[in-house]
Structure formats: structure tokens, C-alpha cells
Amino acid sequence: MAMPRPTAAQLAYGSCTVIFSTLAMLLLSQTSSGPGIAIIALAALALGLLVAMTVPGKRRTAVEQPAPVKPLRASVPAPAQAPEPVHERAAS
């Protein structure tokens, strides 16, 4: 069974999470060493992956079938009928 491809929303949320969390952690930690930056980058990648996996994706069924098409019916107005004559009873 092949893994489903990520949706555009999953890619966008994951990428934004990686970028913004990396910047935030670098600014907050004020680190300038190589190993510190590497740890922050790995943590940001893990966080981005977690966010991308939790964004709801498109649900797929085993075999996707198009929705059934309903036939169209033309609505034709009923023919106009002449009004029926009024029959009054004669007084007896």
C-alpha cells in the first residue's frame, strides 16, 4: 500500500512551522555554536513534521469513484386551460 501524497495545506503548515520555530528558538536561545544550531534545526524539523502529520488531509477510499450523475429533467409548464363555465342552478 503506497503512502498518500501530502496535501498543499500539510506542506504549507509544516514548512511555516519549521521556519518560524527555527527563528524563534534561535532568537530565544541566542546560541552561536554549531552544535546548538544543529540541535535547534533538528527540533524545528521534528516539530514541522509533527504539525504536517496532524493537519487533516484529503480522505481517500480504496477505489475512488465519481459521484453518480442524476438525470436532468426539463420543467415544462402545463398547458393553459380555459376556465370552465359557471353553471348556476335555476330557482325552483
PDB file of N, CA and C in Angstrom:
ATOM      1  N   MET A   1       0.851  -1.170   0.000  1.00  0.00           N
ATOM      2  CA  MET A   1       0.000   0.000   0.000  1.00  0.00           C
ATOM      3  C   MET A   1       0.897   1.234   0.000  1.00  0.00           C
ATOM      4  N   ALA A   2       0.720   2.104  -0.962  1.00  0.00           N
ATOM      5  CA  ALA A   2       1.549   3.293  -1.087  1.00  0.00           C
ATOM      6  C   ALA A   2       1.079   4.375  -0.123  1.00  0.00           C
ATOM      7  N   MET A   3       2.033   5.160   0.339  1.00  0.00           N
ATOM      8  CA  MET A   3       1.681   6.276   1.219  1.00  0.00           C
ATOM      9  C   MET A   3       1.010   7.367   0.396  1.00  0.00           C
ATOM     10  N   PRO A   4      -0.032   7.988   0.940  1.00  0.00           N
ATOM     11  CA  PRO A   4      -0.667   9.075   0.198  1.00  0.00           C
ATOM     12  C   PRO A   4       0.239  10.299   0.164  1.00  0.00           C
ATOM     13  N   ARG A   5       0.126  11.061  -0.902  1.00  0.00           N
ATOM     14  CA  ARG A   5       0.938  12.263  -1.021  1.00  0.00           C
ATOM     15  C   ARG A   5       0.404  13.339  -0.086  1.00  0.00           C
ATOM     16  N   PRO A   6       1.295  14.172   0.463  1.00  0.00           N
ATOM     17  CA  PRO A   6       0.813  15.245   1.344  1.00  0.00           C
ATOM     18  C   PRO A   6       0.061  16.303   0.541  1.00  0.00           C
ATOM     19  N   THR A   7      -0.926  16.889   1.178  1.00  0.00           N
ATOM     20  CA  THR A   7      -1.696  17.940   0.514  1.00  0.00           C
ATOM     21  C   THR A   7      -0.929  19.260   0.597  1.00  0.00           C
ATOM     22  N   ALA A   8      -1.422  20.242  -0.133  1.00  0.00           N
ATOM     23  CA  ALA A   8      -0.785  21.559  -0.118  1.00  0.00           C
ATOM     24  C   ALA A   8      -0.857  22.181   1.274  1.00  0.00           C
ATOM     25  N   ALA A   9      -1.952  21.955   1.975  1.00  0.00           N
ATOM     26  CA  ALA A   9      -2.086  22.507   3.327  1.00  0.00           C
ATOM     27  C   ALA A   9      -1.062  21.885   4.273  1.00  0.00           C
ATOM     28  N   GLN A  10      -0.851  20.587   4.159  1.00  0.00           N
ATOM     29  CA  GLN A  10       0.130  19.924   5.014  1.00  0.00           C
ATOM     30  C   GLN A  10       1.535  20.451   4.743  1.00  0.00           C
ATOM     31  N   LEU A  11       1.880  20.623   3.472  1.00  0.00           N
ATOM     32  CA  LEU A  11       3.202  21.159   3.133  1.00  0.00           C
ATOM     33  C   LEU A  11       3.364  22.589   3.637  1.00  0.00           C
ATOM     34  N   ALA A  12       2.333  23.397   3.484  1.00  0.00           N
ATOM     35  CA  ALA A  12       2.420  24.799   3.900  1.00  0.00           C
ATOM     36  C   ALA A  12       2.541  24.923   5.415  1.00  0.00           C
ATOM     37  N   TYR A  13       1.698  24.203   6.150  1.00  0.00           N
ATOM     38  CA  TYR A  13       1.758  24.276   7.611  1.00  0.00           C
ATOM     39  C   TYR A  13       3.091  23.745   8.142  1.00  0.00           C
ATOM     40  N   GLY A  14       3.545  22.652   7.593  1.00  0.00           N
ATOM     41  CA  GLY A  14       4.818  22.088   8.041  1.00  0.00           C
ATOM     42  C   GLY A  14       5.984  23.011   7.753  1.00  0.00           C
ATOM     43  N   SER A  15       6.028  23.588   6.559  1.00  0.00           N
ATOM     44  CA  SER A  15       7.123  24.492   6.193  1.00  0.00           C
ATOM     45  C   SER A  15       7.122  25.751   7.048  1.00  0.00           C
ATOM     46  N   CYS A  16       5.956  26.337   7.236  1.00  0.00           N
ATOM     47  CA  CYS A  16       5.877  27.535   8.082  1.00  0.00           C
ATOM     48  C   CYS A  16       6.281  27.236   9.516  1.00  0.00           C
ATOM     49  N   THR A  17       5.906  26.081  10.007  1.00  0.00           N
ATOM     50  CA  THR A  17       6.280  25.703  11.364  1.00  0.00           C
ATOM     51  C   THR A  17       7.786  25.580  11.493  1.00  0.00           C
ATOM     52  N   VAL A  18       8.440  24.955  10.515  1.00  0.00           N
ATOM     53  CA  VAL A  18       9.897  24.799  10.564  1.00  0.00           C
ATOM     54  C   VAL A  18      10.578  26.164  10.558  1.00  0.00           C
ATOM     55  N   ILE A  19      10.151  27.024   9.662  1.00  0.00           N
ATOM     56  CA  ILE A  19      10.805  28.337   9.532  1.00  0.00           C
ATOM     57  C   ILE A  19      10.615  29.176  10.787  1.00  0.00           C
ATOM     58  N   PHE A  20       9.373  29.321  11.231  1.00  0.00           N
ATOM     59  CA  PHE A  20       9.111  30.202  12.362  1.00  0.00           C
ATOM     60  C   PHE A  20       9.625  29.632  13.679  1.00  0.00           C
ATOM     61  N   SER A  21       9.539  28.327  13.863  1.00  0.00           N
ATOM     62  CA  SER A  21      10.060  27.767  15.110  1.00  0.00           C
ATOM     63  C   SER A  21      11.587  27.832  15.155  1.00  0.00           C
ATOM     64  N   THR A  22      12.244  27.678  14.000  1.00  0.00           N
ATOM     65  CA  THR A  22      13.710  27.822  13.968  1.00  0.00           C
ATOM     66  C   THR A  22      14.113  29.240  14.343  1.00  0.00           C
ATOM     67  N   LEU A  23      13.459  30.217  13.736  1.00  0.00           N
ATOM     68  CA  LEU A  23      13.775  31.607  14.065  1.00  0.00           C
ATOM     69  C   LEU A  23      13.503  31.915  15.536  1.00  0.00           C
ATOM     70  N   ALA A  24      12.378  31.474  16.045  1.00  0.00           N
ATOM     71  CA  ALA A  24      12.033  31.745  17.440  1.00  0.00           C
ATOM     72  C   ALA A  24      13.036  31.094  18.394  1.00  0.00           C
ATOM     73  N   MET A  25      13.394  29.840  18.149  1.00  0.00           N
ATOM     74  CA  MET A  25      14.338  29.163  19.057  1.00  0.00           C
ATOM     75  C   MET A  25      15.730  29.773  18.973  1.00  0.00           C
ATOM     76  N   LEU A  26      16.143  30.173  17.769  1.00  0.00           N
ATOM     77  CA  LEU A  26      17.463  30.805  17.646  1.00  0.00           C
ATOM     78  C   LEU A  26      17.494  32.157  18.348  1.00  0.00           C
ATOM     79  N   LEU A  27      16.420  32.933  18.227  1.00  0.00           N
ATOM     80  CA  LEU A  27      16.374  34.234  18.890  1.00  0.00           C
ATOM     81  C   LEU A  27      16.277  34.094  20.409  1.00  0.00           C
ATOM     82  N   LEU A  28      15.502  33.125  20.865  1.00  0.00           N
ATOM     83  CA  LEU A  28      15.346  32.955  22.310  1.00  0.00           C
ATOM     84  C   LEU A  28      16.581  32.347  22.969  1.00  0.00           C
ATOM     85  N   SER A  29      17.243  31.434  22.291  1.00  0.00           N
ATOM     86  CA  SER A  29      18.404  30.776  22.903  1.00  0.00           C
ATOM     87  C   SER A  29      19.684  31.593  22.750  1.00  0.00           C
ATOM     88  N   GLN A  30      19.729  32.467  21.764  1.00  0.00           N
ATOM     89  CA  GLN A  30      20.907  33.299  21.476  1.00  0.00           C
ATOM     90  C   GLN A  30      22.182  32.461  21.340  1.00  0.00           C
ATOM     91  N   THR A  31      22.037  31.292  20.756  1.00  0.00           N
ATOM     92  CA  THR A  31      23.202  30.431  20.573  1.00  0.00           C
ATOM     93  C   THR A  31      23.924  30.793  19.282  1.00  0.00           C
ATOM     94  N   SER A  32      25.224  30.579  19.287  1.00  0.00           N
ATOM     95  CA  SER A  32      26.009  30.829  18.077  1.00  0.00           C
ATOM     96  C   SER A  32      26.939  29.659  17.774  1.00  0.00           C
ATOM     97  N   SER A  33      26.836  28.606  18.568  1.00  0.00           N
ATOM     98  CA  SER A  33      27.696  27.446  18.330  1.00  0.00           C
ATOM     99  C   SER A  33      27.061  26.527  17.286  1.00  0.00           C
ATOM    100  N   GLY A  34      27.890  25.793  16.590  1.00  0.00           N
ATOM    101  CA  GLY A  34      27.431  24.866  15.561  1.00  0.00           C
ATOM    102  C   GLY A  34      26.514  23.780  16.090  1.00  0.00           C
ATOM    103  N   PRO A  35      26.937  23.080  17.171  1.00  0.00           N
ATOM    104  CA  PRO A  35      26.053  22.024  17.696  1.00  0.00           C
ATOM    105  C   PRO A  35      24.715  22.560  18.205  1.00  0.00           C
ATOM    106  N   GLY A  36      24.694  23.752  18.768  1.00  0.00           N
ATOM    107  CA  GLY A  36      23.440  24.339  19.256  1.00  0.00           C
ATOM    108  C   GLY A  36      22.488  24.643  18.115  1.00  0.00           C
ATOM    109  N   ILE A  37      23.037  25.184  17.033  1.00  0.00           N
ATOM    110  CA  ILE A  37      22.209  25.483  15.862  1.00  0.00           C
ATOM    111  C   ILE A  37      21.690  24.195  15.233  1.00  0.00           C
ATOM    112  N   ALA A  38      22.528  23.156  15.200  1.00  0.00           N
ATOM    113  CA  ALA A  38      22.104  21.870  14.632  1.00  0.00           C
ATOM    114  C   ALA A  38      20.973  21.256  15.454  1.00  0.00           C
ATOM    115  N   ILE A  39      21.065  21.344  16.772  1.00  0.00           N
ATOM    116  CA  ILE A  39      20.006  20.789  17.634  1.00  0.00           C
ATOM    117  C   ILE A  39      18.709  21.553  17.416  1.00  0.00           C
ATOM    118  N   ILE A  40      18.792  22.878  17.315  1.00  0.00           N
ATOM    119  CA  ILE A  40      17.596  23.688  17.088  1.00  0.00           C
ATOM    120  C   ILE A  40      16.988  23.361  15.724  1.00  0.00           C
ATOM    121  N   ALA A  41      17.822  23.195  14.714  1.00  0.00           N
ATOM    122  CA  ALA A  41      17.311  22.868  13.376  1.00  0.00           C
ATOM    123  C   ALA A  41      16.617  21.510  13.369  1.00  0.00           C
ATOM    124  N   LEU A  42      17.204  20.526  14.041  1.00  0.00           N
ATOM    125  CA  LEU A  42      16.571  19.197  14.112  1.00  0.00           C
ATOM    126  C   LEU A  42      15.263  19.244  14.883  1.00  0.00           C
ATOM    127  N   ALA A  43      15.232  20.017  15.965  1.00  0.00           N
ATOM    128  CA  ALA A  43      13.994  20.143  16.739  1.00  0.00           C
ATOM    129  C   ALA A  43      12.909  20.820  15.902  1.00  0.00           C
ATOM    130  N   ALA A  44      13.286  21.834  15.125  1.00  0.00           N
ATOM    131  CA  ALA A  44      12.311  22.519  14.276  1.00  0.00           C
ATOM    132  C   ALA A  44      11.798  21.593  13.181  1.00  0.00           C
ATOM    133  N   LEU A  45      12.676  20.774  12.610  1.00  0.00           N
ATOM    134  CA  LEU A  45      12.229  19.813  11.591  1.00  0.00           C
ATOM    135  C   LEU A  45      11.262  18.792  12.171  1.00  0.00           C
ATOM    136  N   ALA A  46      11.558  18.316  13.378  1.00  0.00           N
ATOM    137  CA  ALA A  46      10.663  17.352  14.026  1.00  0.00           C
ATOM    138  C   ALA A  46       9.315  17.993  14.320  1.00  0.00           C
ATOM    139  N   LEU A  47       9.338  19.247  14.780  1.00  0.00           N
ATOM    140  CA  LEU A  47       8.084  19.940  15.065  1.00  0.00           C
ATOM    141  C   LEU A  47       7.283  20.183  13.780  1.00  0.00           C
ATOM    142  N   GLY A  48       7.963  20.542  12.707  1.00  0.00           N
ATOM    143  CA  GLY A  48       7.290  20.744  11.427  1.00  0.00           C
ATOM    144  C   GLY A  48       6.676  19.464  10.897  1.00  0.00           C
ATOM    145  N   LEU A  49       7.375  18.357  11.058  1.00  0.00           N
ATOM    146  CA  LEU A  49       6.840  17.058  10.637  1.00  0.00           C
ATOM    147  C   LEU A  49       5.611  16.687  11.457  1.00  0.00           C
ATOM    148  N   LEU A  50       5.673  16.950  12.747  1.00  0.00           N
ATOM    149  CA  LEU A  50       4.533  16.653  13.617  1.00  0.00           C
ATOM    150  C   LEU A  50       3.309  17.479  13.209  1.00  0.00           C
ATOM    151  N   VAL A  51       3.523  18.760  12.946  1.00  0.00           N
ATOM    152  CA  VAL A  51       2.408  19.620  12.536  1.00  0.00           C
ATOM    153  C   VAL A  51       1.853  19.170  11.193  1.00  0.00           C
ATOM    154  N   ALA A  52       2.714  18.856  10.249  1.00  0.00           N
ATOM    155  CA  ALA A  52       2.250  18.428   8.925  1.00  0.00           C
ATOM    156  C   ALA A  52       1.461  17.128   9.000  1.00  0.00           C
ATOM    157  N   MET A  53       1.834  16.253   9.899  1.00  0.00           N
ATOM    158  CA  MET A  53       1.127  14.971  10.009  1.00  0.00           C
ATOM    159  C   MET A  53      -0.221  15.115  10.707  1.00  0.00           C
ATOM    160  N   THR A  54      -0.383  16.138  11.546  1.00  0.00           N
ATOM    161  CA  THR A  54      -1.639  16.290  12.272  1.00  0.00           C
ATOM    162  C   THR A  54      -2.656  17.132  11.528  1.00  0.00           C
ATOM    163  N   VAL A  55      -2.240  17.841  10.473  1.00  0.00           N
ATOM    164  CA  VAL A  55      -3.199  18.592   9.663  1.00  0.00           C
ATOM    165  C   VAL A  55      -4.054  17.584   8.914  1.00  0.00           C
ATOM    166  N   PRO A  56      -5.387  17.718   9.020  1.00  0.00           N
ATOM    167  CA  PRO A  56      -6.222  16.741   8.320  1.00  0.00           C
ATOM    168  C   PRO A  56      -6.023  16.822   6.814  1.00  0.00           C
ATOM    169  N   GLY A  57      -5.829  15.683   6.209  1.00  0.00           N
ATOM    170  CA  GLY A  57      -5.634  15.622   4.762  1.00  0.00           C
ATOM    171  C   GLY A  57      -6.887  15.149   4.073  1.00  0.00           C
ATOM    172  N   LYS A  58      -6.809  14.992   2.780  1.00  0.00           N
ATOM    173  CA  LYS A  58      -7.933  14.504   1.989  1.00  0.00           C
ATOM    174  C   LYS A  58      -8.113  13.019   2.275  1.00  0.00           C
ATOM    175  N   ARG A  59      -9.304  12.658   2.626  1.00  0.00           N
ATOM    176  CA  ARG A  59      -9.580  11.238   2.888  1.00  0.00           C
ATOM    177  C   ARG A  59      -9.748  10.511   1.573  1.00  0.00           C
ATOM    178  N   ARG A  60      -9.091   9.389   1.472  1.00  0.00           N
ATOM    179  CA  ARG A  60      -9.161   8.609   0.241  1.00  0.00           C
ATOM    180  C   ARG A  60      -9.739   7.239   0.548  1.00  0.00           C
ATOM    181  N   THR A  61     -10.554   6.786  -0.363  1.00  0.00           N
ATOM    182  CA  THR A  61     -11.095   5.443  -0.233  1.00  0.00           C
ATOM    183  C   THR A  61     -10.239   4.499  -1.058  1.00  0.00           C
ATOM    184  N   ALA A  62     -10.508   3.227  -0.921  1.00  0.00           N
ATOM    185  CA  ALA A  62      -9.709   2.241  -1.650  1.00  0.00           C
ATOM    186  C   ALA A  62      -9.816   2.477  -3.159  1.00  0.00           C
ATOM    187  N   VAL A  63     -11.024   2.683  -3.626  1.00  0.00           N
ATOM    188  CA  VAL A  63     -11.241   2.957  -5.047  1.00  0.00           C
ATOM    189  C   VAL A  63     -12.133   4.187  -5.128  1.00  0.00           C
ATOM    190  N   GLU A  64     -11.577   5.266  -5.632  1.00  0.00           N
ATOM    191  CA  GLU A  64     -12.363   6.483  -5.731  1.00  0.00           C
ATOM    192  C   GLU A  64     -13.223   6.416  -6.988  1.00  0.00           C
ATOM    193  N   GLN A  65     -14.512   6.611  -6.787  1.00  0.00           N
ATOM    194  CA  GLN A  65     -15.440   6.585  -7.896  1.00  0.00           C
ATOM    195  C   GLN A  65     -16.146   7.936  -7.958  1.00  0.00           C
ATOM    196  N   PRO A  66     -16.450   8.398  -9.147  1.00  0.00           N
ATOM    197  CA  PRO A  66     -17.164   9.672  -9.241  1.00  0.00           C
ATOM    198  C   PRO A  66     -18.575   9.537  -8.683  1.00  0.00           C
ATOM    199  N   ALA A  67     -19.116  10.636  -8.236  1.00  0.00           N
ATOM    200  CA  ALA A  67     -20.468  10.637  -7.704  1.00  0.00           C
ATOM    201  C   ALA A  67     -21.450  10.315  -8.815  1.00  0.00           C
ATOM    202  N   PRO A  68     -22.514   9.606  -8.500  1.00  0.00           N
ATOM    203  CA  PRO A  68     -23.488   9.283  -9.541  1.00  0.00           C
ATOM    204  C   PRO A  68     -24.136  10.553 -10.076  1.00  0.00           C
ATOM    205  N   VAL A  69     -24.360  10.564 -11.378  1.00  0.00           N
ATOM    206  CA  VAL A  69     -24.945  11.726 -12.029  1.00  0.00           C
ATOM    207  C   VAL A  69     -26.449  11.532 -12.100  1.00  0.00           C
ATOM    208  N   LYS A  70     -27.180  12.533 -11.626  1.00  0.00           N
ATOM    209  CA  LYS A  70     -28.633  12.464 -11.674  1.00  0.00           C
ATOM    210  C   LYS A  70     -29.094  12.999 -13.026  1.00  0.00           C
ATOM    211  N   PRO A  71     -30.062  12.321 -13.648  1.00  0.00           N
ATOM    212  CA  PRO A  71     -30.540  12.832 -14.941  1.00  0.00           C
ATOM    213  C   PRO A  71     -31.286  14.158 -14.756  1.00  0.00           C
ATOM    214  N   LEU A  72     -31.104  15.038 -15.708  1.00  0.00           N
ATOM    215  CA  LEU A  72     -31.780  16.322 -15.664  1.00  0.00           C
ATOM    216  C   LEU A  72     -33.170  16.195 -16.266  1.00  0.00           C
ATOM    217  N   ARG A  73     -34.115  16.868 -15.658  1.00  0.00           N
ATOM    218  CA  ARG A  73     -35.472  16.877 -16.186  1.00  0.00           C
ATOM    219  C   ARG A  73     -35.815  18.305 -16.567  1.00  0.00           C
ATOM    220  N   ALA A  74     -36.356  18.441 -17.749  1.00  0.00           N
ATOM    221  CA  ALA A  74     -36.780  19.761 -18.187  1.00  0.00           C
ATOM    222  C   ALA A  74     -38.148  20.043 -17.589  1.00  0.00           C
ATOM    223  N   SER A  75     -38.295  21.191 -16.997  1.00  0.00           N
ATOM    224  CA  SER A  75     -39.595  21.533 -16.435  1.00  0.00           C
ATOM    225  C   SER A  75     -40.391  22.298 -17.486  1.00  0.00           C
ATOM    226  N   VAL A  76     -41.461  21.687 -17.911  1.00  0.00           N
ATOM    227  CA  VAL A  76     -42.319  22.276 -18.941  1.00  0.00           C
ATOM    228  C   VAL A  76     -43.614  22.687 -18.259  1.00  0.00           C
ATOM    229  N   PRO A  77     -44.016  23.953 -18.413  1.00  0.00           N
ATOM    230  CA  PRO A  77     -45.262  24.373 -17.762  1.00  0.00           C
ATOM    231  C   PRO A  77     -46.465  23.663 -18.377  1.00  0.00           C
ATOM    232  N   ALA A  78     -47.449  23.428 -17.553  1.00  0.00           N
ATOM    233  CA  ALA A  78     -48.666  22.774 -18.031  1.00  0.00           C
ATOM    234  C   ALA A  78     -49.390  23.710 -18.996  1.00  0.00           C
ATOM    235  N   PRO A  79     -50.045  23.135 -20.004  1.00  0.00           N
ATOM    236  CA  PRO A  79     -50.746  23.994 -20.957  1.00  0.00           C
ATOM    237  C   PRO A  79     -51.867  24.764 -20.262  1.00  0.00           C
ATOM    238  N   ALA A  80     -52.059  25.987 -20.695  1.00  0.00           N
ATOM    239  CA  ALA A  80     -53.107  26.826 -20.101  1.00  0.00           C
ATOM    240  C   ALA A  80     -54.468  26.288 -20.508  1.00  0.00           C
ATOM    241  N   GLN A  81     -55.354  26.143 -19.557  1.00  0.00           N
ATOM    242  CA  GLN A  81     -56.690  25.630 -19.838  1.00  0.00           C
ATOM    243  C   GLN A  81     -57.687  26.780 -19.720  1.00  0.00           C
ATOM    244  N   ALA A  82     -58.677  26.707 -20.564  1.00  0.00           N
ATOM    245  CA  ALA A  82     -59.736  27.724 -20.494  1.00  0.00           C
ATOM    246  C   ALA A  82     -60.551  27.488 -19.228  1.00  0.00           C
ATOM    247  N   PRO A  83     -60.957  28.555 -18.574  1.00  0.00           N
ATOM    248  CA  PRO A  83     -61.751  28.343 -17.351  1.00  0.00           C
ATOM    249  C   PRO A  83     -63.092  27.706 -17.702  1.00  0.00           C
ATOM    250  N   GLU A  84     -63.534  26.855 -16.814  1.00  0.00           N
ATOM    251  CA  GLU A  84     -64.810  26.184 -17.020  1.00  0.00           C
ATOM    252  C   GLU A  84     -65.959  27.169 -16.811  1.00  0.00           C
ATOM    253  N   PRO A  85     -66.977  27.059 -17.625  1.00  0.00           N
ATOM    254  CA  PRO A  85     -68.123  27.981 -17.415  1.00  0.00           C
ATOM    255  C   PRO A  85     -68.828  27.677 -16.119  1.00  0.00           C
ATOM    256  N   VAL A  86     -69.359  28.720 -15.519  1.00  0.00           N
ATOM    257  CA  VAL A  86     -70.060  28.582 -14.240  1.00  0.00           C
ATOM    258  C   VAL A  86     -71.517  28.190 -14.547  1.00  0.00           C
ATOM    259  N   HIS A  87     -71.973  27.113 -13.943  1.00  0.00           N
ATOM    260  CA  HIS A  87     -73.348  26.667 -14.123  1.00  0.00           C
ATOM    261  C   HIS A  87     -74.108  27.002 -12.847  1.00  0.00           C
ATOM    262  N   GLU A  88     -75.122  27.825 -12.988  1.00  0.00           N
ATOM    263  CA  GLU A  88     -75.929  28.170 -11.821  1.00  0.00           C
ATOM    264  C   GLU A  88     -77.227  27.345 -11.875  1.00  0.00           C
ATOM    265  N   ARG A  89     -77.662  26.987 -10.708  1.00  0.00           N
ATOM    266  CA  ARG A  89     -78.923  26.262 -10.655  1.00  0.00           C
ATOM    267  C   ARG A  89     -80.085  27.240 -10.818  1.00  0.00           C
ATOM    268  N   ALA A  90     -81.029  26.781 -11.531  1.00  0.00           N
ATOM    269  CA  ALA A  90     -82.241  27.628 -11.702  1.00  0.00           C
ATOM    270  C   ALA A  90     -83.082  27.566 -10.449  1.00  0.00           C
ATOM    271  N   ALA A  91     -83.703  28.680 -10.148  1.00  0.00           N
ATOM    272  CA  ALA A  91     -84.565  28.721  -8.957  1.00  0.00           C
ATOM    273  C   ALA A  91     -85.807  27.868  -9.211  1.00  0.00           C
ATOM    274  N   SER A  92     -86.172  27.074  -8.261  1.00  0.00           N
ATOM    275  CA  SER A  92     -87.328  26.240  -8.467  1.00  0.00           C
ATOM    276  C   SER A  92     -88.526  26.750  -7.725  1.00  0.00           C
TER     277      SER A  92
END
